[in-house]
Amino acid sequence: MDPRNKWNSKYKNRLNDFEQKAPNVRLTAQSNYLQGGTALDLACGLGVNSLWLATLGYQVQAVDISDVAINYVKEQAEKEQLFVEAKLCDLSDWHNLNVKENSLDLIVITYYLDRTIFPYLKSSIKEDGYLFMETFYMSPQKDRQTVSDQFKLRSKELLSEFGDWQVLFYEEHEQEGRQTIFVRKS
């Protein structure tokens, strides 16, 4: 099954028993830093982070490979009268996003990993802009995870990748098998 069909199927199933989810709790914990501007939510899924960011005054570009997810985000943004531009995009071809250098105040990525886009992320964020990223990592307790190792970070990988930025929050949670970072470009 190709990636678009795979994610469309997953999101159709999630919408069948979907209660409005809350945004990522580690992202919302950084709300004192989040003062509005331009934001990009990569692999946005059903858009809960995008919609929340829009309530903080961000003009959000929400991007995902699934047209099921993107249509849902568009409907919710319209219903709630929020500025969220939801776009269908295969992130393996992220050049189609046409994001200019130093143009974004914030990029959010949750549970998506493509290391080849790290340079793009770094160049797209304005000086004093932020990056929030959370995804799976190779936890010592990885036997609980069903995600392929190619989609998992190595221990402290995000610290290493963004170590020249100001690290405002970092966590490796072994039981959940996730790594989270919130950094400011300086």
C-alpha atoms as a PDB file:
ATOM      1  CA  MET A   1       0.000   0.000   0.000  1.00  0.00           C
ATOM      2  CA  ASP A   2       1.403   3.403  -0.929  1.00  0.00           C
ATOM      3  CA  PRO A   3       1.912   5.959   1.889  1.00  0.00           C
ATOM      4  CA  ARG A   4      -1.046   8.196   0.963  1.00  0.00           C
ATOM      5  CA  ASN A   5      -3.502   5.283   0.996  1.00  0.00           C
ATOM      6  CA  LYS A   6      -1.987   3.939   4.216  1.00  0.00           C
ATOM      7  CA  TRP A   7      -2.472   7.263   6.037  1.00  0.00           C
ATOM      8  CA  ASN A   8      -5.898   7.881   4.499  1.00  0.00           C
ATOM      9  CA  SER A   9      -7.013   4.528   5.868  1.00  0.00           C
ATOM     10  CA  LYS A  10      -5.578   5.272   9.323  1.00  0.00           C
ATOM     11  CA  TYR A  11      -7.234   8.687   9.507  1.00  0.00           C
ATOM     12  CA  LYS A  12     -10.597   7.360   8.296  1.00  0.00           C
ATOM     13  CA  ASN A  13     -10.483   4.830  11.127  1.00  0.00           C
ATOM     14  CA  ARG A  14      -9.460   7.491  13.669  1.00  0.00           C
ATOM     15  CA  LEU A  15     -12.275   9.810  12.582  1.00  0.00           C
ATOM     16  CA  ASN A  16     -14.854   7.058  13.093  1.00  0.00           C
ATOM     17  CA  ASP A  17     -14.179   7.047  16.838  1.00  0.00           C
ATOM     18  CA  PHE A  18     -12.639  10.500  17.095  1.00  0.00           C
ATOM     19  CA  GLU A  19     -13.213  12.758  20.030  1.00  0.00           C
ATOM     20  CA  GLN A  20     -11.584  16.143  19.668  1.00  0.00           C
ATOM     21  CA  LYS A  21      -8.088  15.483  20.919  1.00  0.00           C
ATOM     22  CA  ALA A  22      -6.017  17.971  22.843  1.00  0.00           C
ATOM     23  CA  PRO A  23      -2.821  19.382  21.346  1.00  0.00           C
ATOM     24  CA  ASN A  24       0.500  17.878  22.347  1.00  0.00           C
ATOM     25  CA  VAL A  25       0.974  18.548  26.077  1.00  0.00           C
ATOM     26  CA  ARG A  26       4.682  19.247  25.747  1.00  0.00           C
ATOM     27  CA  LEU A  27       3.924  21.792  23.011  1.00  0.00           C
ATOM     28  CA  THR A  28       1.233  23.518  25.080  1.00  0.00           C
ATOM     29  CA  ALA A  29       3.684  23.677  28.004  1.00  0.00           C
ATOM     30  CA  GLN A  30       5.789  26.029  25.830  1.00  0.00           C
ATOM     31  CA  SER A  31       2.903  28.448  25.284  1.00  0.00           C
ATOM     32  CA  ASN A  32       4.697  31.311  27.085  1.00  0.00           C
ATOM     33  CA  TYR A  33       7.120  31.404  24.158  1.00  0.00           C
ATOM     34  CA  LEU A  34       4.458  31.134  21.469  1.00  0.00           C
ATOM     35  CA  GLN A  35       3.361  34.662  20.623  1.00  0.00           C
ATOM     36  CA  GLY A  36       1.885  34.229  17.150  1.00  0.00           C
ATOM     37  CA  GLY A  37       3.313  34.784  13.701  1.00  0.00           C
ATOM     38  CA  THR A  38       3.839  32.260  10.932  1.00  0.00           C
ATOM     39  CA  ALA A  39       3.906  28.541  11.663  1.00  0.00           C
ATOM     40  CA  LEU A  40       4.336  25.324   9.722  1.00  0.00           C
ATOM     41  CA  ASP A  41       2.944  22.061  11.096  1.00  0.00           C
ATOM     42  CA  LEU A  42       4.593  19.221   9.154  1.00  0.00           C
ATOM     43  CA  ALA A  43       2.805  15.866   9.110  1.00  0.00           C
ATOM     44  CA  CYS A  44      -0.071  17.602  10.877  1.00  0.00           C
ATOM     45  CA  GLY A  45      -2.411  14.622  10.911  1.00  0.00           C
ATOM     46  CA  LEU A  46      -5.873  15.658  12.081  1.00  0.00           C
ATOM     47  CA  GLY A  47      -4.545  19.110  12.908  1.00  0.00           C
ATOM     48  CA  VAL A  48      -5.039  19.449  16.658  1.00  0.00           C
ATOM     49  CA  ASN A  49      -1.697  21.245  17.046  1.00  0.00           C
ATOM     50  CA  SER A  50      -2.406  23.450  14.013  1.00  0.00           C
ATOM     51  CA  LEU A  51      -5.824  24.494  15.275  1.00  0.00           C
ATOM     52  CA  TRP A  52      -4.456  25.226  18.753  1.00  0.00           C
ATOM     53  CA  LEU A  53      -1.603  27.329  17.321  1.00  0.00           C
ATOM     54  CA  ALA A  54      -4.129  29.327  15.293  1.00  0.00           C
ATOM     55  CA  THR A  55      -5.962  30.212  18.526  1.00  0.00           C
ATOM     56  CA  LEU A  56      -2.664  31.740  19.721  1.00  0.00           C
ATOM     57  CA  GLY A  57      -2.571  34.042  16.704  1.00  0.00           C
ATOM     58  CA  TYR A  58      -0.411  31.979  14.363  1.00  0.00           C
ATOM     59  CA  GLN A  59      -1.070  31.869  10.651  1.00  0.00           C
ATOM     60  CA  VAL A  60      -0.577  28.137  10.242  1.00  0.00           C
ATOM     61  CA  GLN A  61       0.309  26.130   7.193  1.00  0.00           C
ATOM     62  CA  ALA A  62      -0.699  22.554   8.036  1.00  0.00           C
ATOM     63  CA  VAL A  63       0.772  19.895   5.753  1.00  0.00           C
ATOM     64  CA  ASP A  64       0.135  16.166   5.488  1.00  0.00           C
ATOM     65  CA  ILE A  65       0.199  13.362   2.907  1.00  0.00           C
ATOM     66  CA  SER A  66      -3.392  12.359   3.708  1.00  0.00           C
ATOM     67  CA  ASP A  67      -6.219  14.115   1.911  1.00  0.00           C
ATOM     68  CA  VAL A  68      -8.595  12.658   4.539  1.00  0.00           C
ATOM     69  CA  ALA A  69      -6.633  14.497   7.255  1.00  0.00           C
ATOM     70  CA  ILE A  70      -6.253  17.693   5.232  1.00  0.00           C
ATOM     71  CA  ASN A  71      -9.973  17.852   4.418  1.00  0.00           C
ATOM     72  CA  TYR A  72     -10.767  17.399   8.108  1.00  0.00           C
ATOM     73  CA  VAL A  73      -8.346  20.186   9.113  1.00  0.00           C
ATOM     74  CA  LYS A  74      -9.892  22.513   6.508  1.00  0.00           C
ATOM     75  CA  GLU A  75     -13.400  21.780   7.821  1.00  0.00           C
ATOM     76  CA  GLN A  76     -12.396  22.369  11.432  1.00  0.00           C
ATOM     77  CA  ALA A  77     -10.523  25.587  10.678  1.00  0.00           C
ATOM     78  CA  GLU A  78     -13.494  26.941   8.747  1.00  0.00           C
ATOM     79  CA  LYS A  79     -15.926  25.878  11.453  1.00  0.00           C
ATOM     80  CA  GLU A  80     -13.817  27.527  14.173  1.00  0.00           C
ATOM     81  CA  GLN A  81     -12.918  30.508  11.936  1.00  0.00           C
ATOM     82  CA  LEU A  82      -9.187  29.979  12.394  1.00  0.00           C
ATOM     83  CA  PHE A  83      -6.343  30.847  10.028  1.00  0.00           C
ATOM     84  CA  VAL A  84      -5.089  27.422   9.024  1.00  0.00           C
ATOM     85  CA  GLU A  85      -4.064  26.778   5.430  1.00  0.00           C
ATOM     86  CA  ALA A  86      -4.178  22.992   5.093  1.00  0.00           C
ATOM     87  CA  LYS A  87      -2.169  21.599   2.186  1.00  0.00           C
ATOM     88  CA  LEU A  88      -1.749  18.135   0.770  1.00  0.00           C
ATOM     89  CA  CYS A  89       1.934  17.317   0.333  1.00  0.00           C
ATOM     90  CA  ASP A  90       4.123  14.245   0.292  1.00  0.00           C
ATOM     91  CA  LEU A  91       6.869  15.333   2.672  1.00  0.00           C
ATOM     92  CA  SER A  92       9.404  13.179   0.885  1.00  0.00           C
ATOM     93  CA  ASP A  93       9.208  15.995  -1.694  1.00  0.00           C
ATOM     94  CA  TRP A  94       9.197  18.906   0.762  1.00  0.00           C
ATOM     95  CA  HIS A  95      10.513  21.314  -1.877  1.00  0.00           C
ATOM     96  CA  ASN A  96       6.885  21.594  -3.047  1.00  0.00           C
ATOM     97  CA  LEU A  97       6.114  23.593   0.090  1.00  0.00           C
ATOM     98  CA  ASN A  98       7.889  26.646  -1.336  1.00  0.00           C
ATOM     99  CA  VAL A  99       8.846  27.973   2.084  1.00  0.00           C
ATOM    100  CA  LYS A 100      11.398  30.761   1.885  1.00  0.00           C
ATOM    101  CA  GLU A 101      14.514  30.982   4.021  1.00  0.00           C
ATOM    102  CA  ASN A 102      14.081  32.740   7.385  1.00  0.00           C
ATOM    103  CA  SER A 103      10.328  33.066   6.871  1.00  0.00           C
ATOM    104  CA  LEU A 104       8.779  31.087   9.740  1.00  0.00           C
ATOM    105  CA  ASP A 105       8.388  31.883  13.411  1.00  0.00           C
ATOM    106  CA  LEU A 106       7.661  28.269  14.343  1.00  0.00           C
ATOM    107  CA  ILE A 107       7.839  24.764  12.911  1.00  0.00           C
ATOM    108  CA  VAL A 108       6.090  21.875  14.639  1.00  0.00           C
ATOM    109  CA  ILE A 109       6.721  18.222  13.789  1.00  0.00           C
ATOM    110  CA  THR A 110       5.207  15.401  15.787  1.00  0.00           C
ATOM    111  CA  TYR A 111       5.822  11.736  15.081  1.00  0.00           C
ATOM    112  CA  TYR A 112       7.384  12.167  11.677  1.00  0.00           C
ATOM    113  CA  LEU A 113      11.068  11.678  10.953  1.00  0.00           C
ATOM    114  CA  ASP A 114      13.004  12.458   7.808  1.00  0.00           C
ATOM    115  CA  ARG A 115      16.542  13.510   8.653  1.00  0.00           C
ATOM    116  CA  THR A 116      17.102  14.910   5.159  1.00  0.00           C
ATOM    117  CA  ILE A 117      14.806  17.857   5.983  1.00  0.00           C
ATOM    118  CA  PHE A 118      16.816  19.043   9.005  1.00  0.00           C
ATOM    119  CA  PRO A 119      18.806  21.596   6.936  1.00  0.00           C
ATOM    120  CA  TYR A 120      15.539  22.842   5.409  1.00  0.00           C
ATOM    121  CA  LEU A 121      13.996  23.247   8.856  1.00  0.00           C
ATOM    122  CA  LYS A 122      16.986  25.192  10.113  1.00  0.00           C
ATOM    123  CA  SER A 123      17.065  27.554   7.148  1.00  0.00           C
ATOM    124  CA  SER A 124      13.289  28.171   7.129  1.00  0.00           C
ATOM    125  CA  ILE A 125      13.040  29.450  10.695  1.00  0.00           C
ATOM    126  CA  LYS A 126      13.635  33.135  11.381  1.00  0.00           C
ATOM    127  CA  GLU A 127      16.232  34.307  13.891  1.00  0.00           C
ATOM    128  CA  ASP A 128      14.639  33.913  17.361  1.00  0.00           C
ATOM    129  CA  GLY A 129      12.080  31.519  15.832  1.00  0.00           C
ATOM    130  CA  TYR A 130      11.274  28.122  17.318  1.00  0.00           C
ATOM    131  CA  LEU A 131      11.244  24.448  16.440  1.00  0.00           C
ATOM    132  CA  PHE A 132       9.198  21.890  18.354  1.00  0.00           C
ATOM    133  CA  MET A 133       9.824  18.270  17.437  1.00  0.00           C
ATOM    134  CA  GLU A 134       8.675  15.056  19.038  1.00  0.00           C
ATOM    135  CA  THR A 135       9.003  11.569  17.655  1.00  0.00           C
ATOM    136  CA  PHE A 136      10.003   8.019  18.474  1.00  0.00           C
ATOM    137  CA  TYR A 137      13.504   7.150  19.556  1.00  0.00           C
ATOM    138  CA  MET A 138      15.421   3.936  20.107  1.00  0.00           C
ATOM    139  CA  SER A 139      14.569   3.588  23.750  1.00  0.00           C
ATOM    140  CA  PRO A 140      16.152   0.827  25.802  1.00  0.00           C
ATOM    141  CA  GLN A 141      12.537  -0.289  26.295  1.00  0.00           C
ATOM    142  CA  LYS A 142      11.942  -0.396  22.545  1.00  0.00           C
ATOM    143  CA  ASP A 143      10.405  -3.869  22.633  1.00  0.00           C
ATOM    144  CA  ARG A 144       7.075  -2.103  23.242  1.00  0.00           C
ATOM    145  CA  GLN A 145       7.350  -0.096  20.029  1.00  0.00           C
ATOM    146  CA  THR A 146       5.983  -1.271  16.707  1.00  0.00           C
ATOM    147  CA  VAL A 147       7.729   1.444  14.670  1.00  0.00           C
ATOM    148  CA  SER A 148      10.658   0.509  12.431  1.00  0.00           C
ATOM    149  CA  ASP A 149      14.071   1.665  13.691  1.00  0.00           C
ATOM    150  CA  GLN A 150      14.545   3.741  10.524  1.00  0.00           C
ATOM    151  CA  PHE A 151      11.811   6.053  11.876  1.00  0.00           C
ATOM    152  CA  LYS A 152      13.361   6.394  15.328  1.00  0.00           C
ATOM    153  CA  LEU A 153      15.916   8.818  16.607  1.00  0.00           C
ATOM    154  CA  ARG A 154      19.092   7.699  18.319  1.00  0.00           C
ATOM    155  CA  SER A 155      19.551   8.720  21.928  1.00  0.00           C
ATOM    156  CA  LYS A 156      20.219  12.479  22.193  1.00  0.00           C
ATOM    157  CA  GLU A 157      20.073  12.824  18.387  1.00  0.00           C
ATOM    158  CA  LEU A 158      17.946  15.976  18.470  1.00  0.00           C
ATOM    159  CA  LEU A 159      20.306  17.546  21.021  1.00  0.00           C
ATOM    160  CA  SER A 160      23.181  16.801  18.718  1.00  0.00           C
ATOM    161  CA  GLU A 161      21.368  18.113  15.626  1.00  0.00           C
ATOM    162  CA  PHE A 162      20.118  21.334  17.245  1.00  0.00           C
ATOM    163  CA  GLY A 163      22.840  21.802  19.863  1.00  0.00           C
ATOM    164  CA  ASP A 164      23.899  25.137  18.372  1.00  0.00           C
ATOM    165  CA  TRP A 165      20.386  26.512  19.036  1.00  0.00           C
ATOM    166  CA  GLN A 166      19.075  27.544  22.445  1.00  0.00           C
ATOM    167  CA  VAL A 167      17.531  24.425  23.975  1.00  0.00           C
ATOM    168  CA  LEU A 168      14.458  25.442  25.978  1.00  0.00           C
ATOM    169  CA  PHE A 169      13.105  21.939  26.586  1.00  0.00           C
ATOM    170  CA  TYR A 170      14.450  18.466  25.947  1.00  0.00           C
ATOM    171  CA  GLU A 171      13.268  15.057  27.089  1.00  0.00           C
ATOM    172  CA  GLU A 172      13.854  11.414  26.298  1.00  0.00           C
ATOM    173  CA  HIS A 173      11.041   9.376  27.767  1.00  0.00           C
ATOM    174  CA  GLU A 174      12.132   5.746  27.853  1.00  0.00           C
ATOM    175  CA  GLN A 175       8.758   4.250  28.771  1.00  0.00           C
ATOM    176  CA  GLU A 176       6.959   6.090  25.973  1.00  0.00           C
ATOM    177  CA  GLY A 177       9.915   5.750  23.602  1.00  0.00           C
ATOM    178  CA  ARG A 178       9.787   9.370  22.528  1.00  0.00           C
ATOM    179  CA  GLN A 179      12.233  12.235  22.234  1.00  0.00           C
ATOM    180  CA  THR A 180      11.060  15.850  22.440  1.00  0.00           C
ATOM    181  CA  ILE A 181      12.882  19.101  21.825  1.00  0.00           C
ATOM    182  CA  PHE A 182      11.871  22.762  21.805  1.00  0.00           C
ATOM    183  CA  VAL A 183      14.605  25.119  20.602  1.00  0.00           C
ATOM    184  CA  ARG A 184      15.081  28.755  19.634  1.00  0.00           C
ATOM    185  CA  LYS A 185      17.239  29.742  16.693  1.00  0.00           C
ATOM    186  CA  SER A 186      19.875  32.148  17.898  1.00  0.00           C
END
